[in-house]
Amino acid sequence: MNGAARELRRPWCYLVALLVAGGAKAAGLPWFLGVTIGVFALAMGIGVGAWVGRRVEGAPDAPLGPTQSDGAALQHSPEADDSIFRLEGEFWTIRYHSATFRLHDAKGLRYLHQLLANPGQEMHALDLEFFGTRTTAVPPSALWELTRQSTAEPILDLQAREEYQRAMEVLEEQIDKALSDGDAERAALAIDKREFIKHELDRQTRKDGTSRLMPDATERARLNVSRAIRASIAKIDSQDAALGHHLNHDVRTGTFCAYLPDPTAPPRWRL
């Protein structure tokens, strides 16, 4: 309600107008002149009352509630500048600068969450696997120590290599027999089997003829964690190119992974 409307509801305005009109009539002035003077007095009273009300009550004509500048001050808080990387149910809520989006839960996002929570710190791939699956009872800080000194086993042991060699010899005899009998179809089938075994031997042995080693737990973790992190960063990049560029540049993968943001202006992550 503005000041003038509020003053109209106050009885003293009308009382003053009646007294002024009555005084004019008592003075012998014509009735219409008395009414005119009364109305003028009423208008002056309303104007003065509204002006005094605004001065005393702090301008009630101003709109109720915070002004635009007040609203901006309320909305801008330190938290408004923070970035978010938080799991909520089955989805991750991610915000970087002004862009906000959600991604379905994935191991790579869990690995990234751990790295973001520990900026500047190296984390072993085996430790990250623990946080990604939580299926092992071994404490993460000791997990990679248990396999750090482990000796990888050969893919092919001596018995397997001997069995491959005997199979090759049998196939050579079958090929010779089929060719001598003029059975081209049987010979081609035996040749295909021989080439398959030869390919497997070449793939699983070194140039010196010794067997390649099976990847140990650390190597498997390095490959799996690095692949999962890069896949999740690619999904993030498809939603927010700026955050994708930031993570591609500042997340290091390998046996030891780390989040290495610019120390002069690191993002403030709410996790």
C-alpha atoms as a PDB file:
ATOM      1  CA  MET A   1       0.000   0.000   0.000  1.00  0.00           C
ATOM      2  CA  ASN A   2       1.467   3.413  -0.944  1.00  0.00           C
ATOM      3  CA  GLY A   3       1.667   6.392   1.444  1.00  0.00           C
ATOM      4  CA  ALA A   4      -1.314   8.326   0.032  1.00  0.00           C
ATOM      5  CA  ALA A   5      -3.682   5.382   0.252  1.00  0.00           C
ATOM      6  CA  ARG A   6      -2.610   4.716   3.807  1.00  0.00           C
ATOM      7  CA  GLU A   7      -3.214   8.341   4.804  1.00  0.00           C
ATOM      8  CA  LEU A   8      -6.766   8.208   3.357  1.00  0.00           C
ATOM      9  CA  ARG A   9      -7.578   5.552   5.947  1.00  0.00           C
ATOM     10  CA  ARG A  10      -6.642   7.842   8.852  1.00  0.00           C
ATOM     11  CA  PRO A  11      -9.649   9.771  10.376  1.00  0.00           C
ATOM     12  CA  TRP A  12      -7.676  12.873  11.348  1.00  0.00           C
ATOM     13  CA  CYS A  13      -7.491  13.910   7.664  1.00  0.00           C
ATOM     14  CA  TYR A  14     -11.266  14.117   7.429  1.00  0.00           C
ATOM     15  CA  LEU A  15     -11.544  15.810  10.821  1.00  0.00           C
ATOM     16  CA  VAL A  16      -9.172  18.590   9.737  1.00  0.00           C
ATOM     17  CA  ALA A  17     -11.098  19.048   6.466  1.00  0.00           C
ATOM     18  CA  LEU A  18     -14.428  19.370   8.338  1.00  0.00           C
ATOM     19  CA  LEU A  19     -12.982  21.861  10.804  1.00  0.00           C
ATOM     20  CA  VAL A  20     -11.556  23.985   7.982  1.00  0.00           C
ATOM     21  CA  ALA A  21     -14.856  23.899   6.064  1.00  0.00           C
ATOM     22  CA  GLY A  22     -16.805  24.762   9.253  1.00  0.00           C
ATOM     23  CA  GLY A  23     -14.486  27.665  10.019  1.00  0.00           C
ATOM     24  CA  ALA A  24     -14.957  29.052   6.517  1.00  0.00           C
ATOM     25  CA  LYS A  25     -18.770  28.906   6.845  1.00  0.00           C
ATOM     26  CA  ALA A  26     -18.618  30.548  10.275  1.00  0.00           C
ATOM     27  CA  ALA A  27     -16.590  33.355   8.730  1.00  0.00           C
ATOM     28  CA  GLY A  28     -19.472  33.998   6.350  1.00  0.00           C
ATOM     29  CA  LEU A  29     -17.847  32.623   3.246  1.00  0.00           C
ATOM     30  CA  PRO A  30     -20.030  30.934   0.593  1.00  0.00           C
ATOM     31  CA  TRP A  31     -20.564  27.201   1.185  1.00  0.00           C
ATOM     32  CA  PHE A  32     -18.823  26.098  -2.035  1.00  0.00           C
ATOM     33  CA  LEU A  33     -15.735  28.132  -1.069  1.00  0.00           C
ATOM     34  CA  GLY A  34     -15.713  26.465   2.343  1.00  0.00           C
ATOM     35  CA  VAL A  35     -15.899  23.024   0.717  1.00  0.00           C
ATOM     36  CA  THR A  36     -13.055  23.923  -1.668  1.00  0.00           C
ATOM     37  CA  ILE A  37     -10.869  25.061   1.223  1.00  0.00           C
ATOM     38  CA  GLY A  38     -11.708  21.831   3.129  1.00  0.00           C
ATOM     39  CA  VAL A  39     -10.788  19.608   0.170  1.00  0.00           C
ATOM     40  CA  PHE A  40      -7.547  21.535  -0.267  1.00  0.00           C
ATOM     41  CA  ALA A  41      -6.777  21.044   3.425  1.00  0.00           C
ATOM     42  CA  LEU A  42      -7.539  17.314   3.078  1.00  0.00           C
ATOM     43  CA  ALA A  43      -5.146  17.009   0.111  1.00  0.00           C
ATOM     44  CA  MET A  44      -2.419  18.882   1.958  1.00  0.00           C
ATOM     45  CA  GLY A  45      -2.857  16.631   4.982  1.00  0.00           C
ATOM     46  CA  ILE A  46      -2.612  13.489   2.903  1.00  0.00           C
ATOM     47  CA  GLY A  47       0.539  14.726   1.143  1.00  0.00           C
ATOM     48  CA  VAL A  48       2.282  15.795   4.340  1.00  0.00           C
ATOM     49  CA  GLY A  49       1.324  12.564   6.102  1.00  0.00           C
ATOM     50  CA  ALA A  50       2.640  10.394   3.276  1.00  0.00           C
ATOM     51  CA  TRP A  51       5.921  12.349   3.183  1.00  0.00           C
ATOM     52  CA  VAL A  52       6.415  12.064   6.934  1.00  0.00           C
ATOM     53  CA  GLY A  53       5.568   8.328   6.797  1.00  0.00           C
ATOM     54  CA  ARG A  54       8.213   7.682   4.187  1.00  0.00           C
ATOM     55  CA  ARG A  55      10.836   9.567   6.179  1.00  0.00           C
ATOM     56  CA  VAL A  56      10.026   7.831   9.461  1.00  0.00           C
ATOM     57  CA  GLU A  57       9.322   4.320   8.231  1.00  0.00           C
ATOM     58  CA  GLY A  58      12.046   4.052   5.631  1.00  0.00           C
ATOM     59  CA  ALA A  59      10.154   4.581   2.350  1.00  0.00           C
ATOM     60  CA  PRO A  60       7.309   2.020   2.578  1.00  0.00           C
ATOM     61  CA  ASP A  61       6.547   2.690  -1.102  1.00  0.00           C
ATOM     62  CA  ALA A  62       9.645   0.609  -1.956  1.00  0.00           C
ATOM     63  CA  PRO A  63       8.856  -2.963  -3.054  1.00  0.00           C
ATOM     64  CA  LEU A  64       8.763  -5.595  -0.351  1.00  0.00           C
ATOM     65  CA  GLY A  65      11.560  -8.165  -0.134  1.00  0.00           C
ATOM     66  CA  PRO A  66      15.187  -7.928  -1.220  1.00  0.00           C
ATOM     67  CA  THR A  67      16.133  -5.700  -4.114  1.00  0.00           C
ATOM     68  CA  GLN A  68      17.874  -7.016  -7.209  1.00  0.00           C
ATOM     69  CA  SER A  69      21.270  -6.145  -5.777  1.00  0.00           C
ATOM     70  CA  ASP A  70      20.348  -7.792  -2.463  1.00  0.00           C
ATOM     71  CA  GLY A  71      19.250 -10.940  -4.317  1.00  0.00           C
ATOM     72  CA  ALA A  72      22.509 -11.067  -6.204  1.00  0.00           C
ATOM     73  CA  ALA A  73      24.399 -10.766  -2.922  1.00  0.00           C
ATOM     74  CA  LEU A  74      22.351 -13.575  -1.406  1.00  0.00           C
ATOM     75  CA  GLN A  75      22.815 -15.847  -4.389  1.00  0.00           C
ATOM     76  CA  HIS A  76      26.564 -15.297  -4.653  1.00  0.00           C
ATOM     77  CA  SER A  77      28.327 -17.219  -1.933  1.00  0.00           C
ATOM     78  CA  PRO A  78      31.662 -19.019  -1.705  1.00  0.00           C
ATOM     79  CA  GLU A  79      29.885 -22.313  -2.405  1.00  0.00           C
ATOM     80  CA  ALA A  80      28.551 -20.925  -5.710  1.00  0.00           C
ATOM     81  CA  ASP A  81      32.106 -20.901  -7.077  1.00  0.00           C
ATOM     82  CA  ASP A  82      32.788 -24.512  -6.037  1.00  0.00           C
ATOM     83  CA  SER A  83      32.894 -27.423  -8.438  1.00  0.00           C
ATOM     84  CA  ILE A  84      30.914 -30.591  -7.630  1.00  0.00           C
ATOM     85  CA  PHE A  85      31.796 -34.251  -8.150  1.00  0.00           C
ATOM     86  CA  ARG A  86      29.369 -36.174  -5.964  1.00  0.00           C
ATOM     87  CA  LEU A  87      27.669 -39.589  -6.142  1.00  0.00           C
ATOM     88  CA  GLU A  88      23.930 -39.351  -5.505  1.00  0.00           C
ATOM     89  CA  GLY A  89      22.325 -42.763  -5.721  1.00  0.00           C
ATOM     90  CA  GLU A  90      23.187 -44.290  -9.087  1.00  0.00           C
ATOM     91  CA  PHE A  91      24.271 -41.019 -10.691  1.00  0.00           C
ATOM     92  CA  TRP A  92      27.144 -38.595 -10.299  1.00  0.00           C
ATOM     93  CA  THR A  93      26.293 -34.905 -10.155  1.00  0.00           C
ATOM     94  CA  ILE A  94      29.141 -32.979 -11.757  1.00  0.00           C
ATOM     95  CA  ARG A  95      29.530 -29.205 -11.964  1.00  0.00           C
ATOM     96  CA  TYR A  96      32.481 -27.239 -13.297  1.00  0.00           C
ATOM     97  CA  HIS A  97      32.170 -23.455 -13.451  1.00  0.00           C
ATOM     98  CA  SER A  98      28.586 -22.885 -14.639  1.00  0.00           C
ATOM     99  CA  ALA A  99      27.916 -26.250 -16.349  1.00  0.00           C
ATOM    100  CA  THR A 100      26.105 -28.977 -14.390  1.00  0.00           C
ATOM    101  CA  PHE A 101      25.295 -32.483 -15.637  1.00  0.00           C
ATOM    102  CA  ARG A 102      24.804 -36.062 -14.399  1.00  0.00           C
ATOM    103  CA  LEU A 103      26.428 -39.348 -15.386  1.00  0.00           C
ATOM    104  CA  HIS A 104      25.543 -42.916 -14.495  1.00  0.00           C
ATOM    105  CA  ASP A 105      27.828 -44.517 -11.933  1.00  0.00           C
ATOM    106  CA  ALA A 106      30.986 -46.167 -13.311  1.00  0.00           C
ATOM    107  CA  LYS A 107      34.299 -47.407 -11.917  1.00  0.00           C
ATOM    108  CA  GLY A 108      36.231 -44.723 -13.759  1.00  0.00           C
ATOM    109  CA  LEU A 109      34.178 -42.002 -12.053  1.00  0.00           C
ATOM    110  CA  ARG A 110      34.892 -43.560  -8.661  1.00  0.00           C
ATOM    111  CA  TYR A 111      38.609 -43.591  -9.449  1.00  0.00           C
ATOM    112  CA  LEU A 112      38.412 -39.921 -10.472  1.00  0.00           C
ATOM    113  CA  HIS A 113      36.550 -39.099  -7.255  1.00  0.00           C
ATOM    114  CA  GLN A 114      39.408 -40.528  -5.200  1.00  0.00           C
ATOM    115  CA  LEU A 115      41.985 -38.575  -7.175  1.00  0.00           C
ATOM    116  CA  LEU A 116      40.034 -35.320  -6.843  1.00  0.00           C
ATOM    117  CA  ALA A 117      39.756 -35.909  -3.098  1.00  0.00           C
ATOM    118  CA  ASN A 118      43.551 -36.210  -2.856  1.00  0.00           C
ATOM    119  CA  PRO A 119      45.018 -33.557  -5.165  1.00  0.00           C
ATOM    120  CA  GLY A 120      48.771 -33.726  -5.630  1.00  0.00           C
ATOM    121  CA  GLN A 121      49.013 -37.225  -4.118  1.00  0.00           C
ATOM    122  CA  GLU A 122      49.992 -40.361  -6.007  1.00  0.00           C
ATOM    123  CA  MET A 123      47.665 -43.331  -5.622  1.00  0.00           C
ATOM    124  CA  HIS A 124      48.608 -46.845  -6.687  1.00  0.00           C
ATOM    125  CA  ALA A 125      46.361 -48.449  -9.290  1.00  0.00           C
ATOM    126  CA  LEU A 126      45.652 -51.347  -6.913  1.00  0.00           C
ATOM    127  CA  ASP A 127      44.448 -48.919  -4.257  1.00  0.00           C
ATOM    128  CA  LEU A 128      42.137 -47.251  -6.765  1.00  0.00           C
ATOM    129  CA  GLU A 129      40.730 -50.659  -7.751  1.00  0.00           C
ATOM    130  CA  PHE A 130      39.798 -51.169  -4.106  1.00  0.00           C
ATOM    131  CA  PHE A 131      37.810 -47.936  -4.053  1.00  0.00           C
ATOM    132  CA  GLY A 132      36.199 -48.831  -7.371  1.00  0.00           C
ATOM    133  CA  THR A 133      34.937 -52.288  -6.363  1.00  0.00           C
ATOM    134  CA  ARG A 134      35.206 -52.662  -2.584  1.00  0.00           C
ATOM    135  CA  THR A 135      35.140 -56.443  -2.994  1.00  0.00           C
ATOM    136  CA  THR A 136      38.405 -57.199  -1.223  1.00  0.00           C
ATOM    137  CA  ALA A 137      39.003 -57.382   2.495  1.00  0.00           C
ATOM    138  CA  VAL A 138      42.665 -56.378   2.147  1.00  0.00           C
ATOM    139  CA  PRO A 139      43.295 -52.778   3.301  1.00  0.00           C
ATOM    140  CA  PRO A 140      44.033 -50.594   0.279  1.00  0.00           C
ATOM    141  CA  SER A 141      47.223 -49.161   1.769  1.00  0.00           C
ATOM    142  CA  ALA A 142      48.744 -52.663   1.916  1.00  0.00           C
ATOM    143  CA  LEU A 143      47.179 -54.160  -1.206  1.00  0.00           C
ATOM    144  CA  TRP A 144      49.837 -53.172  -3.719  1.00  0.00           C
ATOM    145  CA  GLU A 145      52.622 -53.988  -1.250  1.00  0.00           C
ATOM    146  CA  LEU A 146      51.494 -57.632  -1.298  1.00  0.00           C
ATOM    147  CA  THR A 147      52.004 -57.864  -5.060  1.00  0.00           C
ATOM    148  CA  ARG A 148      54.815 -55.361  -5.570  1.00  0.00           C
ATOM    149  CA  GLN A 149      57.492 -58.014  -5.294  1.00  0.00           C
ATOM    150  CA  SER A 150      55.473 -60.811  -6.887  1.00  0.00           C
ATOM    151  CA  THR A 151      57.132 -62.759  -9.696  1.00  0.00           C
ATOM    152  CA  ALA A 152      54.980 -63.104 -12.769  1.00  0.00           C
ATOM    153  CA  GLU A 153      54.544 -66.651 -14.054  1.00  0.00           C
ATOM    154  CA  PRO A 154      55.157 -67.703 -17.676  1.00  0.00           C
ATOM    155  CA  ILE A 155      52.132 -67.994 -19.920  1.00  0.00           C
ATOM    156  CA  LEU A 156      53.358 -71.337 -21.230  1.00  0.00           C
ATOM    157  CA  ASP A 157      55.031 -73.769 -18.871  1.00  0.00           C
ATOM    158  CA  LEU A 158      57.354 -76.488 -20.165  1.00  0.00           C
ATOM    159  CA  GLN A 159      54.594 -79.101 -20.411  1.00  0.00           C
ATOM    160  CA  ALA A 160      52.344 -76.840 -22.466  1.00  0.00           C
ATOM    161  CA  ARG A 161      55.144 -75.984 -24.860  1.00  0.00           C
ATOM    162  CA  GLU A 162      55.944 -79.682 -25.372  1.00  0.00           C
ATOM    163  CA  GLU A 163      52.277 -80.432 -26.087  1.00  0.00           C
ATOM    164  CA  TYR A 164      52.197 -77.668 -28.696  1.00  0.00           C
ATOM    165  CA  GLN A 165      55.280 -79.097 -30.359  1.00  0.00           C
ATOM    166  CA  ARG A 166      53.836 -82.630 -30.474  1.00  0.00           C
ATOM    167  CA  ALA A 167      50.608 -81.271 -31.973  1.00  0.00           C
ATOM    168  CA  MET A 168      52.647 -79.491 -34.647  1.00  0.00           C
ATOM    169  CA  GLU A 169      54.488 -82.735 -35.501  1.00  0.00           C
ATOM    170  CA  VAL A 170      51.228 -84.693 -35.778  1.00  0.00           C
ATOM    171  CA  LEU A 171      49.747 -82.071 -38.081  1.00  0.00           C
ATOM    172  CA  GLU A 172      52.850 -82.102 -40.283  1.00  0.00           C
ATOM    173  CA  GLU A 173      52.413 -85.883 -40.730  1.00  0.00           C
ATOM    174  CA  GLN A 174      48.703 -85.426 -41.531  1.00  0.00           C
ATOM    175  CA  ILE A 175      49.497 -82.779 -44.131  1.00  0.00           C
ATOM    176  CA  ASP A 176      52.094 -84.993 -45.833  1.00  0.00           C
ATOM    177  CA  LYS A 177      49.712 -87.987 -45.830  1.00  0.00           C
ATOM    178  CA  ALA A 178      46.807 -85.945 -47.240  1.00  0.00           C
ATOM    179  CA  LEU A 179      48.961 -84.488 -50.006  1.00  0.00           C
ATOM    180  CA  SER A 180      50.289 -87.933 -50.961  1.00  0.00           C
ATOM    181  CA  ASP A 181      46.722 -89.241 -51.130  1.00  0.00           C
ATOM    182  CA  GLY A 182      45.651 -86.282 -53.241  1.00  0.00           C
ATOM    183  CA  ASP A 183      43.153 -85.160 -50.553  1.00  0.00           C
ATOM    184  CA  ALA A 184      43.482 -81.392 -50.855  1.00  0.00           C
ATOM    185  CA  GLU A 185      40.576 -80.661 -48.515  1.00  0.00           C
ATOM    186  CA  ARG A 186      42.051 -82.685 -45.639  1.00  0.00           C
ATOM    187  CA  ALA A 187      45.457 -81.177 -46.243  1.00  0.00           C
ATOM    188  CA  ALA A 188      44.041 -77.616 -46.137  1.00  0.00           C
ATOM    189  CA  LEU A 189      42.245 -78.335 -42.858  1.00  0.00           C
ATOM    190  CA  ALA A 190      45.446 -79.673 -41.268  1.00  0.00           C
ATOM    191  CA  ILE A 191      47.403 -76.659 -42.540  1.00  0.00           C
ATOM    192  CA  ASP A 192      44.876 -74.252 -40.941  1.00  0.00           C
ATOM    193  CA  LYS A 193      45.274 -76.035 -37.591  1.00  0.00           C
ATOM    194  CA  ARG A 194      49.047 -75.914 -37.854  1.00  0.00           C
ATOM    195  CA  GLU A 195      49.038 -72.191 -38.632  1.00  0.00           C
ATOM    196  CA  PHE A 196      46.749 -71.498 -35.664  1.00  0.00           C
ATOM    197  CA  ILE A 197      49.092 -73.320 -33.253  1.00  0.00           C
ATOM    198  CA  LYS A 198      52.105 -71.586 -34.769  1.00  0.00           C
ATOM    199  CA  HIS A 199      50.429 -68.198 -34.302  1.00  0.00           C
ATOM    200  CA  GLU A 200      49.707 -68.952 -30.641  1.00  0.00           C
ATOM    201  CA  LEU A 201      53.289 -70.050 -30.036  1.00  0.00           C
ATOM    202  CA  ASP A 202      54.622 -66.891 -31.650  1.00  0.00           C
ATOM    203  CA  ARG A 203      52.260 -64.732 -29.574  1.00  0.00           C
ATOM    204  CA  GLN A 204      53.153 -66.363 -26.271  1.00  0.00           C
ATOM    205  CA  THR A 205      56.912 -66.733 -26.708  1.00  0.00           C
ATOM    206  CA  ARG A 206      59.745 -64.246 -27.085  1.00  0.00           C
ATOM    207  CA  LYS A 207      62.190 -64.120 -29.966  1.00  0.00           C
ATOM    208  CA  ASP A 208      64.643 -66.261 -27.989  1.00  0.00           C
ATOM    209  CA  GLY A 209      62.004 -68.984 -27.654  1.00  0.00           C
ATOM    210  CA  THR A 210      61.275 -68.461 -23.953  1.00  0.00           C
ATOM    211  CA  SER A 211      57.724 -67.963 -22.741  1.00  0.00           C
ATOM    212  CA  ARG A 212      56.301 -64.521 -22.164  1.00  0.00           C
ATOM    213  CA  LEU A 213      55.189 -63.729 -18.614  1.00  0.00           C
ATOM    214  CA  MET A 214      51.602 -63.388 -17.511  1.00  0.00           C
ATOM    215  CA  PRO A 215      50.745 -59.850 -16.369  1.00  0.00           C
ATOM    216  CA  ASP A 216      50.805 -59.652 -12.577  1.00  0.00           C
ATOM    217  CA  ALA A 217      48.182 -57.956 -10.413  1.00  0.00           C
ATOM    218  CA  THR A 218      49.899 -54.571 -10.591  1.00  0.00           C
ATOM    219  CA  GLU A 219      50.070 -54.598 -14.374  1.00  0.00           C
ATOM    220  CA  ARG A 220      46.445 -55.659 -14.687  1.00  0.00           C
ATOM    221  CA  ALA A 221      45.391 -52.904 -12.302  1.00  0.00           C
ATOM    222  CA  ARG A 222      47.428 -50.337 -14.238  1.00  0.00           C
ATOM    223  CA  LEU A 223      45.757 -51.275 -17.497  1.00  0.00           C
ATOM    224  CA  ASN A 224      42.219 -51.562 -16.111  1.00  0.00           C
ATOM    225  CA  VAL A 225      42.297 -48.399 -13.990  1.00  0.00           C
ATOM    226  CA  SER A 226      43.906 -46.283 -16.712  1.00  0.00           C
ATOM    227  CA  ARG A 227      41.396 -47.514 -19.295  1.00  0.00           C
ATOM    228  CA  ALA A 228      38.424 -46.844 -16.977  1.00  0.00           C
ATOM    229  CA  ILE A 229      39.617 -43.344 -16.047  1.00  0.00           C
ATOM    230  CA  ARG A 230      40.193 -42.330 -19.666  1.00  0.00           C
ATOM    231  CA  ALA A 231      36.786 -43.703 -20.686  1.00  0.00           C
ATOM    232  CA  SER A 232      35.073 -41.670 -17.949  1.00  0.00           C
ATOM    233  CA  ILE A 233      36.981 -38.525 -18.883  1.00  0.00           C
ATOM    234  CA  ALA A 234      35.813 -39.020 -22.474  1.00  0.00           C
ATOM    235  CA  LYS A 235      32.189 -39.159 -21.238  1.00  0.00           C
ATOM    236  CA  ILE A 236      32.733 -36.007 -19.195  1.00  0.00           C
ATOM    237  CA  ASP A 237      34.294 -34.294 -22.212  1.00  0.00           C
ATOM    238  CA  SER A 238      31.174 -35.061 -24.255  1.00  0.00           C
ATOM    239  CA  GLN A 239      29.108 -33.149 -21.658  1.00  0.00           C
ATOM    240  CA  ASP A 240      31.549 -30.370 -20.767  1.00  0.00           C
ATOM    241  CA  ALA A 241      34.569 -29.768 -22.995  1.00  0.00           C
ATOM    242  CA  ALA A 242      36.166 -27.393 -20.467  1.00  0.00           C
ATOM    243  CA  LEU A 243      36.136 -29.979 -17.683  1.00  0.00           C
ATOM    244  CA  GLY A 244      37.219 -32.695 -20.120  1.00  0.00           C
ATOM    245  CA  HIS A 245      40.238 -30.589 -21.099  1.00  0.00           C
ATOM    246  CA  HIS A 246      41.040 -29.897 -17.438  1.00  0.00           C
ATOM    247  CA  LEU A 247      40.974 -33.583 -16.472  1.00  0.00           C
ATOM    248  CA  ASN A 248      42.862 -34.732 -19.571  1.00  0.00           C
ATOM    249  CA  HIS A 249      45.574 -32.230 -18.744  1.00  0.00           C
ATOM    250  CA  ASP A 250      45.742 -32.642 -14.949  1.00  0.00           C
ATOM    251  CA  VAL A 251      44.986 -36.345 -14.346  1.00  0.00           C
ATOM    252  CA  ARG A 252      47.944 -38.698 -14.736  1.00  0.00           C
ATOM    253  CA  THR A 253      47.347 -42.426 -15.119  1.00  0.00           C
ATOM    254  CA  GLY A 254      49.678 -45.400 -14.869  1.00  0.00           C
ATOM    255  CA  THR A 255      50.892 -47.640 -12.051  1.00  0.00           C
ATOM    256  CA  PHE A 256      50.648 -44.547  -9.865  1.00  0.00           C
ATOM    257  CA  CYS A 257      47.792 -42.170 -10.689  1.00  0.00           C
ATOM    258  CA  ALA A 258      47.432 -38.575  -9.554  1.00  0.00           C
ATOM    259  CA  TYR A 259      45.369 -35.419  -9.912  1.00  0.00           C
ATOM    260  CA  LEU A 260      47.801 -32.529 -10.382  1.00  0.00           C
ATOM    261  CA  PRO A 261      45.873 -29.242 -10.791  1.00  0.00           C
ATOM    262  CA  ASP A 262      47.542 -25.868 -11.108  1.00  0.00           C
ATOM    263  CA  PRO A 263      48.656 -25.131  -7.503  1.00  0.00           C
ATOM    264  CA  THR A 264      48.119 -21.392  -7.986  1.00  0.00           C
ATOM    265  CA  ALA A 265      44.399 -21.753  -8.810  1.00  0.00           C
ATOM    266  CA  PRO A 266      43.105 -25.253  -8.076  1.00  0.00           C
ATOM    267  CA  PRO A 267      39.347 -25.879  -8.383  1.00  0.00           C
ATOM    268  CA  ARG A 268      37.453 -26.189  -5.105  1.00  0.00           C
ATOM    269  CA  TRP A 269      35.733 -29.563  -5.315  1.00  0.00           C
ATOM    270  CA  ARG A 270      32.704 -30.432  -3.209  1.00  0.00           C
ATOM    271  CA  LEU A 271      32.788 -34.226  -3.042  1.00  0.00           C
END
